Amino acid sequence: SDGVPNDPPQALVDITTANWEQLPIHGVAL
C-alpha cells in the first residue's frame, strides 16, 4: 500500500484482532 487508513489506531486493532491465527503480516510500504 501507499496510503494510511483513515483511523490508524483503530485499523491496528481491527486487523490484529482479525488475525486470530497470528499469521505473519509483512508490509511493503510505498
PDB file of all heavy atoms in Angstrom:
ATOM      1  N   SER A   1       0.834  -1.201   0.000  1.00  0.00           N
ATOM      2  CA  SER A   1       0.000   0.000   0.000  1.00  0.00           C
ATOM      3  C   SER A   1       0.868   1.250   0.000  1.00  0.00           C
ATOM      4  O   SER A   1       2.001   1.234   0.491  1.00  0.00           O
ATOM      5  CB  SER A   1      -0.920   0.013   1.230  1.00  0.00           C
ATOM      6  OG  SER A   1      -1.710   1.185   1.268  1.00  0.00           O
ATOM      7  N   ASP A   2       0.296   2.339  -0.526  1.00  0.00           N
ATOM      8  CA  ASP A   2       0.975   3.633  -0.474  1.00  0.00           C
ATOM      9  C   ASP A   2       0.222   4.622   0.408  1.00  0.00           C
ATOM     10  O   ASP A   2       0.546   5.807   0.436  1.00  0.00           O
ATOM     11  CB  ASP A   2       1.145   4.220  -1.882  1.00  0.00           C
ATOM     12  CG  ASP A   2      -0.171   4.697  -2.481  1.00  0.00           C
ATOM     13  OD1 ASP A   2      -1.247   4.320  -1.976  1.00  0.00           O
ATOM     14  OD2 ASP A   2      -0.124   5.479  -3.457  1.00  0.00           O
ATOM     15  N   GLY A   3      -0.787   4.130   1.141  1.00  0.00           N
ATOM     16  CA  GLY A   3      -1.625   5.032   1.921  1.00  0.00           C
ATOM     17  C   GLY A   3      -1.643   4.701   3.396  1.00  0.00           C
ATOM     18  O   GLY A   3      -0.929   3.823   3.878  1.00  0.00           O
ATOM     19  N   VAL A   4      -2.502   5.433   4.099  1.00  0.00           N
ATOM     20  CA  VAL A   4      -2.694   5.258   5.535  1.00  0.00           C
ATOM     21  C   VAL A   4      -4.191   5.123   5.789  1.00  0.00           C
ATOM     22  O   VAL A   4      -4.991   5.859   5.197  1.00  0.00           O
ATOM     23  CB  VAL A   4      -2.154   6.466   6.327  1.00  0.00           C
ATOM     24  CG1 VAL A   4      -2.261   6.220   7.831  1.00  0.00           C
ATOM     25  CG2 VAL A   4      -0.719   6.771   5.943  1.00  0.00           C
ATOM     26  N   PRO A   5      -4.630   4.199   6.642  1.00  0.00           N
ATOM     27  CA  PRO A   5      -6.054   4.115   6.967  1.00  0.00           C
ATOM     28  C   PRO A   5      -6.568   5.431   7.554  1.00  0.00           C
ATOM     29  O   PRO A   5      -5.809   6.204   8.149  1.00  0.00           O
ATOM     30  CB  PRO A   5      -6.111   2.989   8.015  1.00  0.00           C
ATOM     31  CG  PRO A   5      -4.867   2.200   7.794  1.00  0.00           C
ATOM     32  CD  PRO A   5      -3.831   3.176   7.339  1.00  0.00           C
ATOM     33  N   ASN A   6      -7.855   5.671   7.409  1.00  0.00           N
ATOM     34  CA  ASN A   6      -8.437   6.897   7.945  1.00  0.00           C
ATOM     35  C   ASN A   6      -8.272   7.001   9.452  1.00  0.00           C
ATOM     36  O   ASN A   6      -8.092   8.092   9.991  1.00  0.00           O
ATOM     37  CB  ASN A   6      -9.925   6.974   7.579  1.00  0.00           C
ATOM     38  CG  ASN A   6     -10.147   7.184   6.100  1.00  0.00           C
ATOM     39  OD1 ASN A   6      -9.314   7.786   5.425  1.00  0.00           O
ATOM     40  ND2 ASN A   6     -11.256   6.690   5.578  1.00  0.00           N
ATOM     41  N   ASP A   7      -8.351   5.885  10.140  1.00  0.00           N
ATOM     42  CA  ASP A   7      -8.177   5.843  11.591  1.00  0.00           C
ATOM     43  C   ASP A   7      -7.093   4.810  11.896  1.00  0.00           C
ATOM     44  O   ASP A   7      -7.387   3.644  12.172  1.00  0.00           O
ATOM     45  CB  ASP A   7      -9.500   5.461  12.270  1.00  0.00           C
ATOM     46  CG  ASP A   7      -9.445   5.602  13.779  1.00  0.00           C
ATOM     47  OD1 ASP A   7      -8.332   5.636  14.330  1.00  0.00           O
ATOM     48  OD2 ASP A   7     -10.519   5.689  14.412  1.00  0.00           O
ATOM     49  N   PRO A   8      -5.814   5.229  11.857  1.00  0.00           N
ATOM     50  CA  PRO A   8      -4.723   4.253  12.002  1.00  0.00           C
ATOM     51  C   PRO A   8      -4.781   3.412  13.278  1.00  0.00           C
ATOM     52  O   PRO A   8      -4.609   2.190  13.206  1.00  0.00           O
ATOM     53  CB  PRO A   8      -3.466   5.133  11.949  1.00  0.00           C
ATOM     54  CG  PRO A   8      -3.874   6.320  11.138  1.00  0.00           C
ATOM     55  CD  PRO A   8      -5.306   6.578  11.528  1.00  0.00           C
ATOM     56  N   PRO A   9      -5.018   3.977  14.467  1.00  0.00           N
ATOM     57  CA  PRO A   9      -5.063   3.123  15.670  1.00  0.00           C
ATOM     58  C   PRO A   9      -6.172   2.080  15.607  1.00  0.00           C
ATOM     59  O   PRO A   9      -5.971   0.924  15.984  1.00  0.00           O
ATOM     60  CB  PRO A   9      -5.296   4.125  16.809  1.00  0.00           C
ATOM     61  CG  PRO A   9      -4.766   5.416  16.286  1.00  0.00           C
ATOM     62  CD  PRO A   9      -5.110   5.409  14.829  1.00  0.00           C
ATOM     63  N   GLN A  10      -7.347   2.476  15.116  1.00  0.00           N
ATOM     64  CA  GLN A  10      -8.450   1.521  15.023  1.00  0.00           C
ATOM     65  C   GLN A  10      -8.146   0.437  14.003  1.00  0.00           C
ATOM     66  O   GLN A  10      -8.505  -0.728  14.195  1.00  0.00           O
ATOM     67  CB  GLN A  10      -9.749   2.235  14.659  1.00  0.00           C
ATOM     68  CG  GLN A  10     -10.984   1.341  14.718  1.00  0.00           C
ATOM     69  CD  GLN A  10     -11.217   0.789  16.103  1.00  0.00           C
ATOM     70  OE1 GLN A  10     -11.194   1.530  17.083  1.00  0.00           O
ATOM     71  NE2 GLN A  10     -11.420  -0.525  16.209  1.00  0.00           N
ATOM     72  N   ALA A  11      -7.477   0.810  12.914  1.00  0.00           N
ATOM     73  CA  ALA A  11      -7.102  -0.188  11.910  1.00  0.00           C
ATOM     74  C   ALA A  11      -6.154  -1.228  12.502  1.00  0.00           C
ATOM     75  O   ALA A  11      -6.263  -2.424  12.207  1.00  0.00           O
ATOM     76  CB  ALA A  11      -6.462   0.494  10.699  1.00  0.00           C
ATOM     77  N   LEU A  12      -5.205  -0.786  13.360  1.00  0.00           N
ATOM     78  CA  LEU A  12      -4.322  -1.735  14.024  1.00  0.00           C
ATOM     79  C   LEU A  12      -5.116  -2.741  14.857  1.00  0.00           C
ATOM     80  O   LEU A  12      -4.854  -3.944  14.822  1.00  0.00           O
ATOM     81  CB  LEU A  12      -3.336  -0.997  14.925  1.00  0.00           C
ATOM     82  CG  LEU A  12      -2.158  -0.275  14.276  1.00  0.00           C
ATOM     83  CD1 LEU A  12      -1.364   0.456  15.339  1.00  0.00           C
ATOM     84  CD2 LEU A  12      -1.269  -1.239  13.511  1.00  0.00           C
ATOM     85  N   VAL A  13      -6.090  -2.236  15.599  1.00  0.00           N
ATOM     86  CA  VAL A  13      -6.911  -3.105  16.432  1.00  0.00           C
ATOM     87  C   VAL A  13      -7.716  -4.074  15.582  1.00  0.00           C
ATOM     88  O   VAL A  13      -7.745  -5.285  15.826  1.00  0.00           O
ATOM     89  CB  VAL A  13      -7.847  -2.281  17.332  1.00  0.00           C
ATOM     90  CG1 VAL A  13      -8.837  -3.190  18.066  1.00  0.00           C
ATOM     91  CG2 VAL A  13      -7.048  -1.464  18.327  1.00  0.00           C
ATOM     92  N   ASP A  14      -8.386  -3.540  14.555  1.00  0.00           N
ATOM     93  CA  ASP A  14      -9.277  -4.370  13.739  1.00  0.00           C
ATOM     94  C   ASP A  14      -8.512  -5.471  13.005  1.00  0.00           C
ATOM     95  O   ASP A  14      -8.957  -6.630  12.953  1.00  0.00           O
ATOM     96  CB  ASP A  14     -10.031  -3.500  12.735  1.00  0.00           C
ATOM     97  CG  ASP A  14     -11.038  -2.571  13.398  1.00  0.00           C
ATOM     98  OD1 ASP A  14     -11.369  -2.805  14.579  1.00  0.00           O
ATOM     99  OD2 ASP A  14     -11.473  -1.605  12.740  1.00  0.00           O
ATOM    100  N   ILE A  15      -7.373  -5.120  12.418  1.00  0.00           N
ATOM    101  CA  ILE A  15      -6.610  -6.110  11.651  1.00  0.00           C
ATOM    102  C   ILE A  15      -5.994  -7.158  12.585  1.00  0.00           C
ATOM    103  O   ILE A  15      -6.064  -8.366  12.322  1.00  0.00           O
ATOM    104  CB  ILE A  15      -5.520  -5.425  10.812  1.00  0.00           C
ATOM    105  CG1 ILE A  15      -6.166  -4.595   9.694  1.00  0.00           C
ATOM    106  CG2 ILE A  15      -4.560  -6.458  10.219  1.00  0.00           C
ATOM    107  CD1 ILE A  15      -5.183  -3.727   8.919  1.00  0.00           C
ATOM    108  N   THR A  16      -5.416  -6.720  13.687  1.00  0.00           N
ATOM    109  CA  THR A  16      -4.758  -7.664  14.581  1.00  0.00           C
ATOM    110  C   THR A  16      -5.776  -8.552  15.285  1.00  0.00           C
ATOM    111  O   THR A  16      -5.510  -9.732  15.539  1.00  0.00           O
ATOM    112  CB  THR A  16      -3.878  -6.919  15.595  1.00  0.00           C
ATOM    113  OG1 THR A  16      -2.973  -6.075  14.870  1.00  0.00           O
ATOM    114  CG2 THR A  16      -3.078  -7.884  16.442  1.00  0.00           C
ATOM    115  N   THR A  17      -6.939  -8.031  15.577  1.00  0.00           N
ATOM    116  CA  THR A  17      -7.998  -8.861  16.140  1.00  0.00           C
ATOM    117  C   THR A  17      -8.422  -9.929  15.140  1.00  0.00           C
ATOM    118  O   THR A  17      -8.649 -11.094  15.504  1.00  0.00           O
ATOM    119  CB  THR A  17      -9.219  -8.009  16.521  1.00  0.00           C
ATOM    120  OG1 THR A  17      -8.834  -6.999  17.443  1.00  0.00           O
ATOM    121  CG2 THR A  17     -10.311  -8.858  17.146  1.00  0.00           C
ATOM    122  N   ALA A  18      -8.542  -9.539  13.867  1.00  0.00           N
ATOM    123  CA  ALA A  18      -8.942 -10.495  12.829  1.00  0.00           C
ATOM    124  C   ALA A  18      -7.870 -11.554  12.592  1.00  0.00           C
ATOM    125  O   ALA A  18      -8.170 -12.651  12.116  1.00  0.00           O
ATOM    126  CB  ALA A  18      -9.237  -9.753  11.528  1.00  0.00           C
ATOM    127  N   ASN A  19      -6.630 -11.241  12.940  1.00  0.00           N
ATOM    128  CA  ASN A  19      -5.528 -12.173  12.737  1.00  0.00           C
ATOM    129  C   ASN A  19      -5.425 -13.117  13.931  1.00  0.00           C
ATOM    130  O   ASN A  19      -4.394 -13.240  14.595  1.00  0.00           O
ATOM    131  CB  ASN A  19      -4.219 -11.411  12.544  1.00  0.00           C
ATOM    132  CG  ASN A  19      -3.074 -12.309  12.109  1.00  0.00           C
ATOM    133  OD1 ASN A  19      -3.291 -13.426  11.620  1.00  0.00           O
ATOM    134  ND2 ASN A  19      -1.857 -11.836  12.291  1.00  0.00           N
ATOM    135  N   TRP A  20      -6.500 -13.839  14.217  1.00  0.00           N
ATOM    136  CA  TRP A  20      -6.558 -14.704  15.392  1.00  0.00           C
ATOM    137  C   TRP A  20      -5.623 -15.917  15.284  1.00  0.00           C
ATOM    138  O   TRP A  20      -5.260 -16.508  16.289  1.00  0.00           O
ATOM    139  CB  TRP A  20      -7.994 -15.156  15.648  1.00  0.00           C
ATOM    140  CG  TRP A  20      -8.637 -15.893  14.515  1.00  0.00           C
ATOM    141  CD1 TRP A  20      -9.284 -15.332  13.455  1.00  0.00           C
ATOM    142  CD2 TRP A  20      -8.720 -17.303  14.327  1.00  0.00           C
ATOM    143  NE1 TRP A  20      -9.760 -16.303  12.605  1.00  0.00           N
ATOM    144  CE2 TRP A  20      -9.428 -17.533  13.128  1.00  0.00           C
ATOM    145  CE3 TRP A  20      -8.280 -18.400  15.064  1.00  0.00           C
ATOM    146  CZ2 TRP A  20      -9.694 -18.810  12.637  1.00  0.00           C
ATOM    147  CZ3 TRP A  20      -8.543 -19.677  14.582  1.00  0.00           C
ATOM    148  CH2 TRP A  20      -9.240 -19.864  13.383  1.00  0.00           C
ATOM    149  N   GLU A  21      -5.221 -16.270  14.053  1.00  0.00           N
ATOM    150  CA  GLU A  21      -4.233 -17.348  13.890  1.00  0.00           C
ATOM    151  C   GLU A  21      -2.799 -16.836  14.015  1.00  0.00           C
ATOM    152  O   GLU A  21      -1.859 -17.621  13.949  1.00  0.00           O
ATOM    153  CB  GLU A  21      -4.420 -18.024  12.538  1.00  0.00           C
ATOM    154  CG  GLU A  21      -5.708 -18.803  12.419  1.00  0.00           C
ATOM    155  CD  GLU A  21      -5.731 -19.650  11.168  1.00  0.00           C
ATOM    156  OE1 GLU A  21      -5.939 -19.095  10.074  1.00  0.00           O
ATOM    157  OE2 GLU A  21      -5.510 -20.860  11.290  1.00  0.00           O
ATOM    158  N   GLN A  22      -2.652 -15.528  14.150  1.00  0.00           N
ATOM    159  CA  GLN A  22      -1.346 -14.894  14.299  1.00  0.00           C
ATOM    160  C   GLN A  22      -0.414 -15.218  13.126  1.00  0.00           C
ATOM    161  O   GLN A  22       0.756 -15.584  13.307  1.00  0.00           O
ATOM    162  CB  GLN A  22      -0.711 -15.265  15.636  1.00  0.00           C
ATOM    163  CG  GLN A  22      -1.541 -14.816  16.830  1.00  0.00           C
ATOM    164  CD  GLN A  22      -0.855 -15.049  18.161  1.00  0.00           C
ATOM    165  OE1 GLN A  22       0.344 -14.875  18.278  1.00  0.00           O
ATOM    166  NE2 GLN A  22      -1.623 -15.429  19.174  1.00  0.00           N
ATOM    167  N   LEU A  23      -0.945 -15.100  11.919  1.00  0.00           N
ATOM    168  CA  LEU A  23      -0.103 -15.265  10.736  1.00  0.00           C
ATOM    169  C   LEU A  23       0.840 -14.068  10.626  1.00  0.00           C
ATOM    170  O   LEU A  23       0.485 -12.947  10.989  1.00  0.00           O
ATOM    171  CB  LEU A  23      -0.977 -15.335   9.480  1.00  0.00           C
ATOM    172  CG  LEU A  23      -2.033 -16.440   9.416  1.00  0.00           C
ATOM    173  CD1 LEU A  23      -2.758 -16.373   8.078  1.00  0.00           C
ATOM    174  CD2 LEU A  23      -1.418 -17.809   9.633  1.00  0.00           C
ATOM    175  N   PRO A  24       2.037 -14.274  10.108  1.00  0.00           N
ATOM    176  CA  PRO A  24       2.912 -13.126   9.867  1.00  0.00           C
ATOM    177  C   PRO A  24       2.285 -12.192   8.822  1.00  0.00           C
ATOM    178  O   PRO A  24       1.833 -12.656   7.767  1.00  0.00           O
ATOM    179  CB  PRO A  24       4.200 -13.757   9.327  1.00  0.00           C
ATOM    180  CG  PRO A  24       4.130 -15.194   9.736  1.00  0.00           C
ATOM    181  CD  PRO A  24       2.678 -15.556   9.754  1.00  0.00           C
ATOM    182  N   ILE A  25       2.236 -10.921   9.133  1.00  0.00           N
ATOM    183  CA  ILE A  25       1.786  -9.913   8.176  1.00  0.00           C
ATOM    184  C   ILE A  25       2.986  -9.055   7.818  1.00  0.00           C
ATOM    185  O   ILE A  25       3.508  -8.309   8.647  1.00  0.00           O
ATOM    186  CB  ILE A  25       0.652  -9.045   8.735  1.00  0.00           C
ATOM    187  CG1 ILE A  25      -0.578  -9.909   9.041  1.00  0.00           C
ATOM    188  CG2 ILE A  25       0.284  -7.936   7.738  1.00  0.00           C
ATOM    189  CD1 ILE A  25      -1.761  -9.115   9.610  1.00  0.00           C
ATOM    190  N   HIS A  26       3.426  -9.181   6.584  1.00  0.00           N
ATOM    191  CA  HIS A  26       4.554  -8.400   6.078  1.00  0.00           C
ATOM    192  C   HIS A  26       4.022  -7.198   5.300  1.00  0.00           C
ATOM    193  O   HIS A  26       2.966  -7.281   4.668  1.00  0.00           O
ATOM    194  CB  HIS A  26       5.435  -9.259   5.179  1.00  0.00           C
ATOM    195  CG  HIS A  26       5.957 -10.494   5.841  1.00  0.00           C
ATOM    196  ND1 HIS A  26       6.981 -10.473   6.764  1.00  0.00           N
ATOM    197  CD2 HIS A  26       5.578 -11.805   5.730  1.00  0.00           C
ATOM    198  CE1 HIS A  26       7.225 -11.705   7.184  1.00  0.00           C
ATOM    199  NE2 HIS A  26       6.392 -12.528   6.575  1.00  0.00           N
ATOM    200  N   GLY A  27       4.768  -6.115   5.342  1.00  0.00           N
ATOM    201  CA  GLY A  27       4.319  -4.901   4.664  1.00  0.00           C
ATOM    202  C   GLY A  27       5.324  -4.398   3.646  1.00  0.00           C
ATOM    203  O   GLY A  27       6.534  -4.408   3.899  1.00  0.00           O
ATOM    204  N   VAL A  28       4.805  -3.981   2.490  1.00  0.00           N
ATOM    205  CA  VAL A  28       5.606  -3.252   1.512  1.00  0.00           C
ATOM    206  C   VAL A  28       5.003  -1.854   1.445  1.00  0.00           C
ATOM    207  O   VAL A  28       3.902  -1.653   0.927  1.00  0.00           O
ATOM    208  CB  VAL A  28       5.570  -3.923   0.127  1.00  0.00           C
ATOM    209  CG1 VAL A  28       6.360  -3.095  -0.880  1.00  0.00           C
ATOM    210  CG2 VAL A  28       6.122  -5.342   0.206  1.00  0.00           C
ATOM    211  N   ALA A  29       5.711  -0.903   2.037  1.00  0.00           N
ATOM    212  CA  ALA A  29       5.208   0.468   2.156  1.00  0.00           C
ATOM    213  C   ALA A  29       5.704   1.296   0.982  1.00  0.00           C
ATOM    214  O   ALA A  29       6.900   1.554   0.848  1.00  0.00           O
ATOM    215  CB  ALA A  29       5.656   1.075   3.472  1.00  0.00           C
ATOM    216  N   LEU A  30       4.778   1.694   0.145  1.00  0.00           N
ATOM    217  CA  LEU A  30       5.117   2.536  -0.997  1.00  0.00           C
ATOM    218  C   LEU A  30       4.881   4.007  -0.684  1.00  0.00           C
ATOM    219  O   LEU A  30       5.009   4.852  -1.568  1.00  0.00           O
ATOM    220  CB  LEU A  30       4.263   2.135  -2.208  1.00  0.00           C
ATOM    221  CG  LEU A  30       4.264   0.650  -2.584  1.00  0.00           C
ATOM    222  CD1 LEU A  30       3.380   0.415  -3.809  1.00  0.00           C
ATOM    223  CD2 LEU A  30       5.677   0.152  -2.843  1.00  0.00           C
TER     224      LEU A  30
END
